[in-house]
Each structure stands twice: as structure tokens, then as C-alpha cells.
């Protein structure tokens, strides 16, 4: 969750913004550039590459938690309460 919330490129929180913009369009996915992850936490990339199925589940859970805590608004009928990422 820290990577998704804190990764910046040119002073922009790219993954926060991407998640928000995608959710507003009903697109429940997040495209991550592995080079950003390498720059953010290289040991995590090694673990991710060694156990991709486990870490994809961790990332999906993190994205869903961030969506529900930071972006979901129950008064907005266009947003789903618990989408799958």
C-alpha cells in the first residue's frame, strides 16, 4: 500500500491518480511500471519475481483497500462498493 500511495514521478502521485481516474470510469485495475517498483523497493521486486502469484494477490488486496478507504464514496452511484482488481 505504501508504494501505491507514495510513489511519485515528477512530483505526481501517479498510482493514486491512476487508481482514482480508473475507478471514476468504472475501470478497476492499476497498471504498475516495474521500473517504478525497482526504484521504490528493489528487494520487493526480487520477491515479486520469485513468487508472482503470491505478490499479485498482495497488490490486488492493497489496491482494493486503498480504493475503499481513499476513493469510494457511497453517495456516488457510479462507484462500486467492492470491485475486484
N, C-alpha and C. Protein backbone atom coordinates (compact mmCIF):
# COMPACT_ATOMS: atom_id res chain seq x y z
N UNK A 1 0.83 -1.19 0.00
CA UNK A 1 0.00 0.00 0.00
C UNK A 1 0.88 1.25 0.00
N UNK A 2 2.00 1.15 0.66
CA UNK A 2 2.90 2.30 0.73
C UNK A 2 3.37 2.71 -0.67
N UNK A 3 3.74 1.74 -1.48
CA UNK A 3 4.18 2.03 -2.85
C UNK A 3 3.07 2.73 -3.64
N UNK A 4 1.88 2.21 -3.60
CA UNK A 4 0.77 2.77 -4.37
C UNK A 4 0.45 4.18 -3.92
N UNK A 5 0.48 4.41 -2.63
CA UNK A 5 0.16 5.74 -2.10
C UNK A 5 1.30 6.73 -2.25
N UNK A 6 2.54 6.28 -2.22
CA UNK A 6 3.67 7.20 -2.11
C UNK A 6 4.56 7.33 -3.34
N UNK A 7 4.46 6.44 -4.30
CA UNK A 7 5.34 6.52 -5.47
C UNK A 7 5.04 7.79 -6.27
N UNK A 8 6.09 8.55 -6.55
CA UNK A 8 5.95 9.80 -7.29
C UNK A 8 6.84 9.80 -8.53
N UNK A 9 6.31 10.39 -9.58
CA UNK A 9 7.07 10.66 -10.79
C UNK A 9 6.81 12.12 -11.13
N UNK A 10 7.88 12.89 -11.22
CA UNK A 10 7.78 14.34 -11.48
C UNK A 10 6.77 15.02 -10.56
N UNK A 11 6.90 14.75 -9.26
CA UNK A 11 6.06 15.36 -8.21
C UNK A 11 4.59 15.03 -8.34
N UNK A 12 4.27 13.92 -8.99
CA UNK A 12 2.89 13.47 -9.12
C UNK A 12 2.77 12.06 -8.54
N UNK A 13 1.76 11.85 -7.72
CA UNK A 13 1.50 10.53 -7.16
C UNK A 13 0.76 9.72 -8.22
N UNK A 14 1.52 9.12 -9.11
CA UNK A 14 0.94 8.54 -10.33
C UNK A 14 -0.03 7.40 -10.07
N UNK A 15 0.24 6.55 -9.08
CA UNK A 15 -0.64 5.40 -8.87
C UNK A 15 -1.91 5.79 -8.12
N UNK A 16 -1.81 6.73 -7.22
CA UNK A 16 -3.03 7.27 -6.59
C UNK A 16 -3.95 7.87 -7.63
N UNK A 17 -3.36 8.68 -8.50
CA UNK A 17 -4.15 9.35 -9.54
C UNK A 17 -4.73 8.35 -10.55
N UNK A 18 -3.91 7.38 -10.94
CA UNK A 18 -4.39 6.37 -11.88
C UNK A 18 -5.55 5.59 -11.28
N UNK A 19 -5.43 5.19 -10.03
CA UNK A 19 -6.50 4.45 -9.36
C UNK A 19 -7.77 5.27 -9.29
N UNK A 20 -7.64 6.52 -8.89
CA UNK A 20 -8.81 7.40 -8.79
C UNK A 20 -9.47 7.59 -10.16
N UNK A 21 -8.67 7.90 -11.17
CA UNK A 21 -9.22 8.13 -12.52
C UNK A 21 -9.85 6.87 -13.09
N UNK A 22 -9.20 5.73 -12.91
CA UNK A 22 -9.77 4.48 -13.41
C UNK A 22 -11.09 4.16 -12.71
N UNK A 23 -11.13 4.30 -11.41
CA UNK A 23 -12.35 3.98 -10.65
C UNK A 23 -13.51 4.88 -11.08
N UNK A 24 -13.23 6.15 -11.32
CA UNK A 24 -14.28 7.07 -11.75
C UNK A 24 -14.85 6.66 -13.10
N UNK A 25 -14.08 5.92 -13.89
CA UNK A 25 -14.53 5.46 -15.21
C UNK A 25 -15.09 4.03 -15.16
N UNK A 26 -15.08 3.42 -13.96
CA UNK A 26 -15.55 2.05 -13.83
C UNK A 26 -14.52 1.03 -14.26
N UNK A 27 -13.26 1.44 -14.36
CA UNK A 27 -12.17 0.54 -14.74
C UNK A 27 -11.38 0.20 -13.48
N UNK A 28 -11.59 -1.00 -12.96
CA UNK A 28 -10.99 -1.37 -11.69
C UNK A 28 -9.70 -2.17 -11.90
N UNK A 29 -8.67 -1.43 -12.29
CA UNK A 29 -7.34 -2.01 -12.45
C UNK A 29 -6.31 -0.92 -12.22
N UNK A 30 -5.09 -1.36 -12.02
CA UNK A 30 -3.97 -0.44 -11.83
C UNK A 30 -2.78 -1.03 -12.58
N UNK A 31 -2.24 -0.26 -13.50
CA UNK A 31 -1.09 -0.70 -14.28
C UNK A 31 0.17 -0.14 -13.63
N UNK A 32 1.05 -1.03 -13.19
CA UNK A 32 2.27 -0.63 -12.47
C UNK A 32 3.47 -0.85 -13.37
N UNK A 33 4.31 0.15 -13.46
CA UNK A 33 5.58 0.08 -14.19
C UNK A 33 6.62 -0.54 -13.24
N UNK A 34 7.15 -1.67 -13.62
CA UNK A 34 8.11 -2.37 -12.76
C UNK A 34 9.35 -1.52 -12.47
N UNK A 35 9.71 -0.64 -13.38
CA UNK A 35 10.86 0.24 -13.12
C UNK A 35 10.57 1.17 -11.93
N UNK A 36 9.34 1.59 -11.78
CA UNK A 36 8.98 2.41 -10.62
C UNK A 36 9.11 1.60 -9.34
N UNK A 37 8.68 0.34 -9.41
CA UNK A 37 8.79 -0.53 -8.24
C UNK A 37 10.25 -0.81 -7.90
N UNK A 38 11.08 -1.01 -8.90
CA UNK A 38 12.51 -1.22 -8.67
C UNK A 38 13.12 -0.02 -7.96
N UNK A 39 12.79 1.17 -8.43
CA UNK A 39 13.33 2.39 -7.82
C UNK A 39 12.81 2.59 -6.41
N UNK A 40 11.60 2.13 -6.15
CA UNK A 40 10.97 2.33 -4.85
C UNK A 40 11.44 1.31 -3.82
N UNK A 41 11.52 0.02 -4.23
CA UNK A 41 11.87 -1.04 -3.29
C UNK A 41 12.41 -2.25 -4.06
N UNK A 42 13.70 -2.23 -4.36
CA UNK A 42 14.32 -3.28 -5.16
C UNK A 42 14.16 -4.68 -4.54
N UNK A 43 14.34 -4.86 -3.23
CA UNK A 43 14.14 -6.20 -2.65
C UNK A 43 12.71 -6.73 -2.86
N UNK A 44 11.74 -5.85 -2.85
CA UNK A 44 10.36 -6.27 -3.10
C UNK A 44 10.21 -6.83 -4.51
N UNK A 45 10.88 -6.23 -5.47
CA UNK A 45 10.83 -6.70 -6.85
C UNK A 45 11.39 -8.12 -6.95
N UNK A 46 12.47 -8.38 -6.25
CA UNK A 46 13.05 -9.73 -6.24
C UNK A 46 12.04 -10.74 -5.69
N UNK A 47 11.41 -10.40 -4.59
CA UNK A 47 10.41 -11.28 -4.01
C UNK A 47 9.22 -11.45 -4.96
N UNK A 48 8.82 -10.37 -5.58
CA UNK A 48 7.71 -10.41 -6.54
C UNK A 48 8.04 -11.35 -7.70
N UNK A 49 9.23 -11.23 -8.22
CA UNK A 49 9.64 -12.09 -9.35
C UNK A 49 9.77 -13.55 -8.95
N UNK A 50 10.16 -13.81 -7.70
CA UNK A 50 10.30 -15.19 -7.23
C UNK A 50 8.95 -15.84 -6.89
N UNK A 51 7.97 -15.04 -6.50
CA UNK A 51 6.65 -15.55 -6.10
C UNK A 51 5.54 -14.67 -6.68
N UNK A 52 5.44 -14.59 -8.00
CA UNK A 52 4.49 -13.64 -8.60
C UNK A 52 3.03 -13.87 -8.19
N UNK A 53 2.59 -15.11 -8.10
CA UNK A 53 1.19 -15.35 -7.73
C UNK A 53 0.86 -14.81 -6.35
N UNK A 54 1.77 -15.02 -5.41
CA UNK A 54 1.54 -14.51 -4.05
C UNK A 54 1.52 -12.99 -4.02
N UNK A 55 2.45 -12.37 -4.71
CA UNK A 55 2.56 -10.91 -4.65
C UNK A 55 1.49 -10.20 -5.48
N UNK A 56 1.02 -10.83 -6.52
CA UNK A 56 -0.10 -10.24 -7.26
C UNK A 56 -1.32 -10.16 -6.34
N UNK A 57 -1.55 -11.20 -5.56
CA UNK A 57 -2.67 -11.19 -4.60
C UNK A 57 -2.49 -10.09 -3.56
N UNK A 58 -1.27 -9.91 -3.10
CA UNK A 58 -0.98 -8.85 -2.12
C UNK A 58 -1.25 -7.48 -2.73
N UNK A 59 -0.80 -7.27 -3.96
CA UNK A 59 -1.03 -5.99 -4.63
C UNK A 59 -2.52 -5.76 -4.87
N UNK A 60 -3.23 -6.78 -5.30
CA UNK A 60 -4.67 -6.64 -5.53
C UNK A 60 -5.38 -6.25 -4.25
N UNK A 61 -5.02 -6.90 -3.16
CA UNK A 61 -5.62 -6.58 -1.86
C UNK A 61 -5.30 -5.15 -1.45
N UNK A 62 -4.07 -4.73 -1.65
CA UNK A 62 -3.66 -3.36 -1.30
C UNK A 62 -4.44 -2.34 -2.12
N UNK A 63 -4.57 -2.59 -3.42
CA UNK A 63 -5.30 -1.66 -4.29
C UNK A 63 -6.76 -1.58 -3.85
N UNK A 64 -7.36 -2.71 -3.54
CA UNK A 64 -8.76 -2.72 -3.11
C UNK A 64 -8.93 -1.96 -1.80
N UNK A 65 -8.02 -2.15 -0.87
CA UNK A 65 -8.08 -1.45 0.41
C UNK A 65 -7.95 0.06 0.22
N UNK A 66 -7.00 0.48 -0.60
CA UNK A 66 -6.82 1.91 -0.87
C UNK A 66 -8.06 2.48 -1.53
N UNK A 67 -8.60 1.77 -2.49
CA UNK A 67 -9.82 2.22 -3.17
C UNK A 67 -10.94 2.43 -2.14
N UNK A 68 -11.18 1.44 -1.30
CA UNK A 68 -12.28 1.53 -0.35
C UNK A 68 -12.05 2.61 0.71
N UNK A 69 -10.81 2.79 1.13
CA UNK A 69 -10.53 3.78 2.18
C UNK A 69 -10.38 5.20 1.66
N UNK A 70 -9.81 5.34 0.46
CA UNK A 70 -9.45 6.67 -0.03
C UNK A 70 -10.37 7.23 -1.10
N UNK A 71 -11.00 6.37 -1.89
CA UNK A 71 -11.73 6.86 -3.05
C UNK A 71 -13.22 6.53 -3.08
N UNK A 72 -13.60 5.40 -2.53
CA UNK A 72 -15.00 5.01 -2.60
C UNK A 72 -15.87 6.00 -1.83
N UNK A 73 -16.92 6.43 -2.48
CA UNK A 73 -17.88 7.36 -1.88
C UNK A 73 -19.26 6.75 -2.08
N UNK A 74 -19.88 6.35 -0.98
CA UNK A 74 -21.17 5.66 -1.09
C UNK A 74 -22.27 6.53 -1.68
N UNK A 75 -22.06 7.83 -1.75
CA UNK A 75 -23.07 8.70 -2.35
C UNK A 75 -22.91 8.81 -3.86
N UNK A 76 -21.83 8.25 -4.40
CA UNK A 76 -21.60 8.27 -5.84
C UNK A 76 -22.09 6.96 -6.45
N UNK A 77 -23.21 6.99 -7.16
CA UNK A 77 -23.78 5.75 -7.69
C UNK A 77 -22.92 5.10 -8.78
N UNK A 78 -21.95 5.82 -9.33
CA UNK A 78 -21.09 5.27 -10.37
C UNK A 78 -19.95 4.42 -9.83
N UNK A 79 -19.69 4.51 -8.53
CA UNK A 79 -18.60 3.74 -7.93
C UNK A 79 -19.12 2.47 -7.29
N UNK A 80 -18.42 1.38 -7.52
CA UNK A 80 -18.81 0.10 -6.93
C UNK A 80 -18.26 0.01 -5.51
N UNK A 81 -19.04 -0.56 -4.59
CA UNK A 81 -18.57 -0.64 -3.20
C UNK A 81 -17.39 -1.59 -2.98
N UNK A 82 -17.33 -2.68 -3.73
CA UNK A 82 -16.26 -3.66 -3.52
C UNK A 82 -15.87 -4.32 -4.85
N UNK A 83 -15.29 -3.57 -5.76
CA UNK A 83 -14.90 -4.15 -7.05
C UNK A 83 -13.69 -5.07 -6.88
N UNK A 84 -13.52 -5.95 -7.83
CA UNK A 84 -12.33 -6.81 -7.86
C UNK A 84 -11.29 -6.14 -8.72
N UNK A 85 -10.08 -6.13 -8.26
CA UNK A 85 -8.97 -5.55 -9.01
C UNK A 85 -8.09 -6.63 -9.56
